[in-house]
Amino acid sequence: MPPQRWNTLSTREIYKNKWMRLREDIAEMPNGKTTIYGVCEFGECVGVLPFVDNEHVVMVRQYRYVFGENQRWEMPTGGKHREEDASVAAQRELMEEVGYRANQLVHINSYYTSKSVCFETAHLFIGRDLEKTFAPPDETEFLEIGILKFDDVLQMVLDSEIRDSMTVIAVLIARQRLGTRD
């Protein structure tokens, strides 16, 4: 028998800004007892692993405030607007962050970034047949852009030098699906 549903008895907003919302729910569990459940809502996000050719990808580095680091490479990622199609959001982020548009954009995965306390779904894409373009960057992003060998990026994932889940998952799926050499 599948696990039974929990019922939300009440919800209280704790904090909200344009990127996130924090709420506190009172939830009734299947045994009739209640518990407080904190939920961070982020909505949806997108990421594109852009291949400039069969062996190289465009990556970015930026200061990540939460972890206080600036040395880790990652693929272009960003938020999806509420009514925006994920592929449109992926193209927008690709143009804003690295100045390319993908003529071939393939959805490879959608997943929950956290299964317990964060409400966020990530949509991952591989971009190919890139063409240079321009879109104004987001006002909070100060990026270093690099073209790296895919094999080196894969090794950074395996060595835990790349740690963000969107990039890790996209690189591993790309390796598996694209049959990149060992």
C-alpha atoms as a PDB file:
ATOM      1  CA  MET A   1       0.000   0.000   0.000  1.00  0.00           C
ATOM      2  CA  PRO A   2       1.450   3.442  -0.923  1.00  0.00           C
ATOM      3  CA  PRO A   3       2.143   5.937   1.873  1.00  0.00           C
ATOM      4  CA  GLN A   4      -0.898   7.965   2.928  1.00  0.00           C
ATOM      5  CA  ARG A   5      -1.279  11.651   2.155  1.00  0.00           C
ATOM      6  CA  TRP A   6      -0.654  14.337   4.778  1.00  0.00           C
ATOM      7  CA  ASN A   7      -3.283  17.082   5.077  1.00  0.00           C
ATOM      8  CA  THR A   8      -2.404  20.760   5.326  1.00  0.00           C
ATOM      9  CA  LEU A   9      -4.486  22.288   8.119  1.00  0.00           C
ATOM     10  CA  SER A  10      -3.080  25.819   7.872  1.00  0.00           C
ATOM     11  CA  THR A  11      -0.384  27.839   6.111  1.00  0.00           C
ATOM     12  CA  ARG A  12       1.342  30.984   7.323  1.00  0.00           C
ATOM     13  CA  GLU A  13       3.682  33.077   5.191  1.00  0.00           C
ATOM     14  CA  ILE A  14       6.897  33.831   7.088  1.00  0.00           C
ATOM     15  CA  TYR A  15       8.885  35.713   4.431  1.00  0.00           C
ATOM     16  CA  LYS A  16       8.670  36.577   0.738  1.00  0.00           C
ATOM     17  CA  ASN A  17      10.777  38.336  -1.894  1.00  0.00           C
ATOM     18  CA  LYS A  18      10.848  38.158  -5.695  1.00  0.00           C
ATOM     19  CA  TRP A  19      12.951  34.957  -5.684  1.00  0.00           C
ATOM     20  CA  MET A  20      11.465  32.892  -2.860  1.00  0.00           C
ATOM     21  CA  ARG A  21       8.726  32.429  -0.302  1.00  0.00           C
ATOM     22  CA  LEU A  22       9.055  30.764   3.105  1.00  0.00           C
ATOM     23  CA  ARG A  23       5.927  29.346   4.670  1.00  0.00           C
ATOM     24  CA  GLU A  24       5.093  27.398   7.802  1.00  0.00           C
ATOM     25  CA  ASP A  25       2.368  24.781   7.560  1.00  0.00           C
ATOM     26  CA  ILE A  26       0.546  22.806  10.201  1.00  0.00           C
ATOM     27  CA  ALA A  27       0.196  19.344   8.700  1.00  0.00           C
ATOM     28  CA  GLU A  28      -1.841  16.401   9.890  1.00  0.00           C
ATOM     29  CA  MET A  29       0.010  13.112   9.468  1.00  0.00           C
ATOM     30  CA  PRO A  30      -1.694   9.791   8.632  1.00  0.00           C
ATOM     31  CA  ASN A  31      -1.675   8.842  12.337  1.00  0.00           C
ATOM     32  CA  GLY A  32      -3.812  11.920  13.189  1.00  0.00           C
ATOM     33  CA  LYS A  33      -1.007  13.832  14.914  1.00  0.00           C
ATOM     34  CA  THR A  34       0.039  17.277  13.701  1.00  0.00           C
ATOM     35  CA  THR A  35       3.456  18.741  13.013  1.00  0.00           C
ATOM     36  CA  ILE A  36       4.956  22.044  11.906  1.00  0.00           C
ATOM     37  CA  TYR A  37       6.421  21.855   8.416  1.00  0.00           C
ATOM     38  CA  GLY A  38       8.586  24.619   6.960  1.00  0.00           C
ATOM     39  CA  VAL A  39       8.596  24.952   3.172  1.00  0.00           C
ATOM     40  CA  CYS A  40      10.782  27.154   0.954  1.00  0.00           C
ATOM     41  CA  GLU A  41       9.090  27.878  -2.380  1.00  0.00           C
ATOM     42  CA  PHE A  42      11.297  28.753  -5.344  1.00  0.00           C
ATOM     43  CA  GLY A  43       9.135  27.745  -8.301  1.00  0.00           C
ATOM     44  CA  GLU A  44      10.937  26.431 -11.359  1.00  0.00           C
ATOM     45  CA  CYS A  45      14.425  26.884 -12.749  1.00  0.00           C
ATOM     46  CA  VAL A  46      16.317  25.929 -15.886  1.00  0.00           C
ATOM     47  CA  GLY A  47      19.842  24.994 -16.865  1.00  0.00           C
ATOM     48  CA  VAL A  48      21.549  24.524 -20.224  1.00  0.00           C
ATOM     49  CA  LEU A  49      24.736  22.582 -20.884  1.00  0.00           C
ATOM     50  CA  PRO A  50      25.843  24.377 -24.087  1.00  0.00           C
ATOM     51  CA  PHE A  51      28.159  22.484 -26.450  1.00  0.00           C
ATOM     52  CA  VAL A  52      30.173  24.707 -28.798  1.00  0.00           C
ATOM     53  CA  ASP A  53      31.338  21.536 -30.578  1.00  0.00           C
ATOM     54  CA  ASN A  54      31.429  17.837 -29.696  1.00  0.00           C
ATOM     55  CA  GLU A  55      34.256  18.281 -27.181  1.00  0.00           C
ATOM     56  CA  HIS A  56      33.763  21.726 -25.574  1.00  0.00           C
ATOM     57  CA  VAL A  57      31.105  23.376 -23.423  1.00  0.00           C
ATOM     58  CA  VAL A  58      30.530  26.952 -22.286  1.00  0.00           C
ATOM     59  CA  MET A  59      30.649  27.299 -18.513  1.00  0.00           C
ATOM     60  CA  VAL A  60      30.395  30.189 -16.056  1.00  0.00           C
ATOM     61  CA  ARG A  61      31.883  31.100 -12.710  1.00  0.00           C
ATOM     62  CA  GLN A  62      30.413  33.593 -10.307  1.00  0.00           C
ATOM     63  CA  TYR A  63      30.529  34.445  -6.651  1.00  0.00           C
ATOM     64  CA  ARG A  64      28.027  32.268  -4.814  1.00  0.00           C
ATOM     65  CA  TYR A  65      27.032  34.217  -1.734  1.00  0.00           C
ATOM     66  CA  VAL A  66      25.546  31.323   0.262  1.00  0.00           C
ATOM     67  CA  PHE A  67      28.756  29.283   0.122  1.00  0.00           C
ATOM     68  CA  GLY A  68      31.172  32.238  -0.088  1.00  0.00           C
ATOM     69  CA  GLU A  69      32.992  30.811  -3.106  1.00  0.00           C
ATOM     70  CA  ASN A  70      33.890  31.969  -6.591  1.00  0.00           C
ATOM     71  CA  GLN A  71      36.042  29.163  -7.977  1.00  0.00           C
ATOM     72  CA  ARG A  72      33.517  26.553  -9.145  1.00  0.00           C
ATOM     73  CA  TRP A  73      32.433  26.249 -12.762  1.00  0.00           C
ATOM     74  CA  GLU A  74      28.765  25.689 -13.537  1.00  0.00           C
ATOM     75  CA  MET A  75      26.515  25.691 -16.570  1.00  0.00           C
ATOM     76  CA  PRO A  76      24.213  28.639 -17.320  1.00  0.00           C
ATOM     77  CA  THR A  77      21.175  28.431 -15.036  1.00  0.00           C
ATOM     78  CA  GLY A  78      18.379  30.643 -13.821  1.00  0.00           C
ATOM     79  CA  GLY A  79      14.773  31.054 -12.855  1.00  0.00           C
ATOM     80  CA  LYS A  80      11.745  30.372 -15.027  1.00  0.00           C
ATOM     81  CA  HIS A  81       8.959  32.938 -14.953  1.00  0.00           C
ATOM     82  CA  ARG A  82       5.560  31.598 -13.890  1.00  0.00           C
ATOM     83  CA  GLU A  83       3.889  31.455 -17.336  1.00  0.00           C
ATOM     84  CA  GLU A  84       7.111  30.983 -19.323  1.00  0.00           C
ATOM     85  CA  ASP A  85       7.833  27.750 -21.172  1.00  0.00           C
ATOM     86  CA  ALA A  86      10.946  26.025 -19.805  1.00  0.00           C
ATOM     87  CA  SER A  87      12.666  25.988 -23.209  1.00  0.00           C
ATOM     88  CA  VAL A  88      12.073  29.743 -23.610  1.00  0.00           C
ATOM     89  CA  ALA A  89      13.527  30.332 -20.148  1.00  0.00           C
ATOM     90  CA  ALA A  90      16.529  28.145 -20.999  1.00  0.00           C
ATOM     91  CA  GLN A  91      17.242  30.154 -24.162  1.00  0.00           C
ATOM     92  CA  ARG A  92      16.872  33.427 -22.224  1.00  0.00           C
ATOM     93  CA  GLU A  93      19.329  32.314 -19.543  1.00  0.00           C
ATOM     94  CA  LEU A  94      21.782  31.058 -22.157  1.00  0.00           C
ATOM     95  CA  MET A  95      21.686  34.416 -23.960  1.00  0.00           C
ATOM     96  CA  GLU A  96      21.916  36.485 -20.758  1.00  0.00           C
ATOM     97  CA  GLU A  97      24.733  34.517 -19.183  1.00  0.00           C
ATOM     98  CA  VAL A  98      27.001  33.512 -22.060  1.00  0.00           C
ATOM     99  CA  GLY A  99      25.788  35.362 -25.156  1.00  0.00           C
ATOM    100  CA  TYR A 100      24.694  32.331 -27.184  1.00  0.00           C
ATOM    101  CA  ARG A 101      21.419  31.017 -28.555  1.00  0.00           C
ATOM    102  CA  ALA A 102      21.034  27.257 -29.125  1.00  0.00           C
ATOM    103  CA  ASN A 103      19.535  26.295 -32.481  1.00  0.00           C
ATOM    104  CA  GLN A 104      19.135  22.803 -31.044  1.00  0.00           C
ATOM    105  CA  LEU A 105      17.811  22.667 -27.483  1.00  0.00           C
ATOM    106  CA  VAL A 106      16.993  19.214 -26.090  1.00  0.00           C
ATOM    107  CA  HIS A 107      15.243  18.665 -22.767  1.00  0.00           C
ATOM    108  CA  ILE A 108      17.102  15.930 -20.875  1.00  0.00           C
ATOM    109  CA  ASN A 109      15.628  15.901 -17.359  1.00  0.00           C
ATOM    110  CA  SER A 110      13.273  17.534 -14.862  1.00  0.00           C
ATOM    111  CA  TYR A 111      13.727  16.896 -11.170  1.00  0.00           C
ATOM    112  CA  TYR A 112      12.939  18.216  -7.688  1.00  0.00           C
ATOM    113  CA  THR A 113      15.974  20.024  -6.309  1.00  0.00           C
ATOM    114  CA  SER A 114      14.990  18.961  -2.777  1.00  0.00           C
ATOM    115  CA  LYS A 115      12.366  16.389  -1.989  1.00  0.00           C
ATOM    116  CA  SER A 116      11.520  17.470   1.534  1.00  0.00           C
ATOM    117  CA  VAL A 117      11.637  21.187   2.412  1.00  0.00           C
ATOM    118  CA  CYS A 118      12.066  23.074  -0.885  1.00  0.00           C
ATOM    119  CA  PHE A 119       9.394  23.397  -3.528  1.00  0.00           C
ATOM    120  CA  GLU A 120      11.427  23.787  -6.735  1.00  0.00           C
ATOM    121  CA  THR A 121      11.566  21.927 -10.032  1.00  0.00           C
ATOM    122  CA  ALA A 122      14.631  22.131 -12.277  1.00  0.00           C
ATOM    123  CA  HIS A 123      14.466  21.567 -16.042  1.00  0.00           C
ATOM    124  CA  LEU A 124      17.724  20.612 -17.754  1.00  0.00           C
ATOM    125  CA  PHE A 125      18.671  20.995 -21.403  1.00  0.00           C
ATOM    126  CA  ILE A 126      21.567  20.343 -23.730  1.00  0.00           C
ATOM    127  CA  GLY A 127      22.214  23.120 -26.217  1.00  0.00           C
ATOM    128  CA  ARG A 128      23.957  22.583 -29.553  1.00  0.00           C
ATOM    129  CA  ASP A 129      24.498  24.487 -32.788  1.00  0.00           C
ATOM    130  CA  LEU A 130      25.173  27.689 -30.859  1.00  0.00           C
ATOM    131  CA  GLU A 131      25.132  31.108 -32.454  1.00  0.00           C
ATOM    132  CA  LYS A 132      26.454  34.298 -30.894  1.00  0.00           C
ATOM    133  CA  THR A 133      23.799  36.739 -29.747  1.00  0.00           C
ATOM    134  CA  PHE A 134      23.318  39.344 -27.051  1.00  0.00           C
ATOM    135  CA  ALA A 135      20.862  39.815 -24.221  1.00  0.00           C
ATOM    136  CA  PRO A 136      21.438  42.148 -21.292  1.00  0.00           C
ATOM    137  CA  PRO A 137      22.737  40.224 -18.269  1.00  0.00           C
ATOM    138  CA  ASP A 138      20.773  39.991 -15.043  1.00  0.00           C
ATOM    139  CA  GLU A 139      21.671  42.860 -12.718  1.00  0.00           C
ATOM    140  CA  THR A 140      22.852  40.520  -9.941  1.00  0.00           C
ATOM    141  CA  GLU A 141      25.196  38.420 -12.068  1.00  0.00           C
ATOM    142  CA  PHE A 142      28.896  39.122 -12.513  1.00  0.00           C
ATOM    143  CA  LEU A 143      30.162  36.183 -14.533  1.00  0.00           C
ATOM    144  CA  GLU A 144      33.405  34.762 -15.834  1.00  0.00           C
ATOM    145  CA  ILE A 145      32.754  32.794 -19.032  1.00  0.00           C
ATOM    146  CA  GLY A 146      34.963  29.941 -20.199  1.00  0.00           C
ATOM    147  CA  ILE A 147      34.992  27.326 -22.922  1.00  0.00           C
ATOM    148  CA  LEU A 148      36.161  24.089 -21.321  1.00  0.00           C
ATOM    149  CA  LYS A 149      36.750  20.585 -22.601  1.00  0.00           C
ATOM    150  CA  PHE A 150      33.743  18.439 -21.764  1.00  0.00           C
ATOM    151  CA  ASP A 151      36.044  15.666 -20.508  1.00  0.00           C
ATOM    152  CA  ASP A 152      37.591  18.141 -18.028  1.00  0.00           C
ATOM    153  CA  VAL A 153      34.127  19.241 -16.859  1.00  0.00           C
ATOM    154  CA  LEU A 154      33.132  15.595 -16.411  1.00  0.00           C
ATOM    155  CA  GLN A 155      36.255  15.010 -14.313  1.00  0.00           C
ATOM    156  CA  MET A 156      35.446  18.085 -12.186  1.00  0.00           C
ATOM    157  CA  VAL A 157      32.016  16.565 -11.509  1.00  0.00           C
ATOM    158  CA  LEU A 158      33.552  13.194 -10.598  1.00  0.00           C
ATOM    159  CA  ASP A 159      36.115  14.901  -8.333  1.00  0.00           C
ATOM    160  CA  SER A 160      33.374  16.969  -6.629  1.00  0.00           C
ATOM    161  CA  GLU A 161      34.901  20.235  -7.814  1.00  0.00           C
ATOM    162  CA  ILE A 162      31.584  21.027  -9.500  1.00  0.00           C
ATOM    163  CA  ARG A 163      28.906  20.707  -6.833  1.00  0.00           C
ATOM    164  CA  ASP A 164      25.685  22.328  -7.987  1.00  0.00           C
ATOM    165  CA  SER A 165      23.092  19.668  -8.710  1.00  0.00           C
ATOM    166  CA  MET A 166      21.889  21.093 -12.025  1.00  0.00           C
ATOM    167  CA  THR A 167      25.355  20.965 -13.576  1.00  0.00           C
ATOM    168  CA  VAL A 168      26.230  17.601 -12.020  1.00  0.00           C
ATOM    169  CA  ILE A 169      23.083  15.933 -13.321  1.00  0.00           C
ATOM    170  CA  ALA A 170      23.304  17.522 -16.790  1.00  0.00           C
ATOM    171  CA  VAL A 171      26.958  16.537 -17.223  1.00  0.00           C
ATOM    172  CA  LEU A 172      26.349  12.941 -16.137  1.00  0.00           C
ATOM    173  CA  ILE A 173      23.316  12.588 -18.396  1.00  0.00           C
ATOM    174  CA  ALA A 174      25.225  14.174 -21.289  1.00  0.00           C
ATOM    175  CA  ARG A 175      28.057  11.714 -20.748  1.00  0.00           C
ATOM    176  CA  GLN A 176      25.658   8.791 -20.731  1.00  0.00           C
ATOM    177  CA  ARG A 177      23.407   9.931 -23.605  1.00  0.00           C
ATOM    178  CA  LEU A 178      26.010  11.415 -25.880  1.00  0.00           C
ATOM    179  CA  GLY A 179      28.452   8.531 -25.563  1.00  0.00           C
ATOM    180  CA  THR A 180      31.411  10.824 -24.939  1.00  0.00           C
ATOM    181  CA  ARG A 181      34.629   8.827 -24.828  1.00  0.00           C
ATOM    182  CA  ASP A 182      36.036   7.460 -21.586  1.00  0.00           C
END
